[in-house]
Amino acid sequence: MTPSTHHIIPESERYCIWMDAGVVDYKLCTCLFKCDECEFDAQIRTHTNAARSNETHQAQAQPVTPVRSSRSADDYYAMMLQNVLRSIEGQSLPEDRFYSSQHTWAKEDGDGLYVLGIDHFIGTMLGAAHSVAFSVSPTHIKAGEPYAWIVANGETVAVRSPIAGTIVENNTALADRSSVIHSDPYTKGWIAKIRPDETVSTLTLRRSDKAAQVMKDDCARYEDRIHSELQRLQTHIDSTMYDGGTALENFEEMFGTKKYYELLEGFLRP
């Protein structure tokens, strides 16, 4: 996909994230990116979920090759969870940047600018994104406000800036390779560049050693939330596994993108 520059839109206007994601051809944002308050956003999600439900229904009508396993459902999904957690624990946080408790980072880039991105905790949890929608550049944002949105299966996760300032550049290369947010969040998967309003310091952000402890604590929180959701779905899971149903590959498939992204939002909100 070629990055869209939206030349027909006045520079002072904000374009809708669904436009940047390629879902609609033209739509300006009238809610200052407060998507939860947007009627248009709600309609798009309703339409997308209905279409996805119909596709799921049609897919279920097709014959599926059953997957047999000697493991119980509990063992299978415990193994899936441990694989995710081991993947996170097996990676280290670069020491050359600041981190927020919402799993975002800011790295000095020269000329008074900082590069922004997400850490590998969220990158691993998200998996492969379908697209990334950006704030208009230049745009001034406050610390904790969204500056980008990761889009998959008609759902979005807002990425919030760890510092206040003006977004001056977006990583438009993500339009063609959005998957690098998942596979390489610290280098090629950077999201935007910002000119901070004030000096960035450890008064509000953390260095890698303290951020690593936050990540460890959040891995435990993630594990607890997955277990809670598994218990809620236990009847359906047991039926699928014991009766030779198709094994799911990840928790997003199991819970559905909407539910899973809601779970992740709990780690990205201030």
Foldseek 3Di string as FASTA:
>chain_A
DAQDPPVVDPLVWKWDQCCRLVNDVGGTDPPLPPLVPDPVLVVLLVVLVVVVVVVVVVVVVDDDQFDADPDALVVVVVVQLVVLVCVVVVDADDQQWWAAQLQKIWHDDDPQKTFIWGHQNVLSLVAAFSAKGATRPFDWDAAQDFGMWTHDSSDIAGAGHNATFTWHFFLSVCRVVVRCSNVPGPPSVTTTMGRGPDDDDVVRTHGRVVSVVSSVVVSVVVVVVVVVVCVVCVVVSRCQHVVRHDDDDHVCVVVPVVVSSVVSNVSNGD
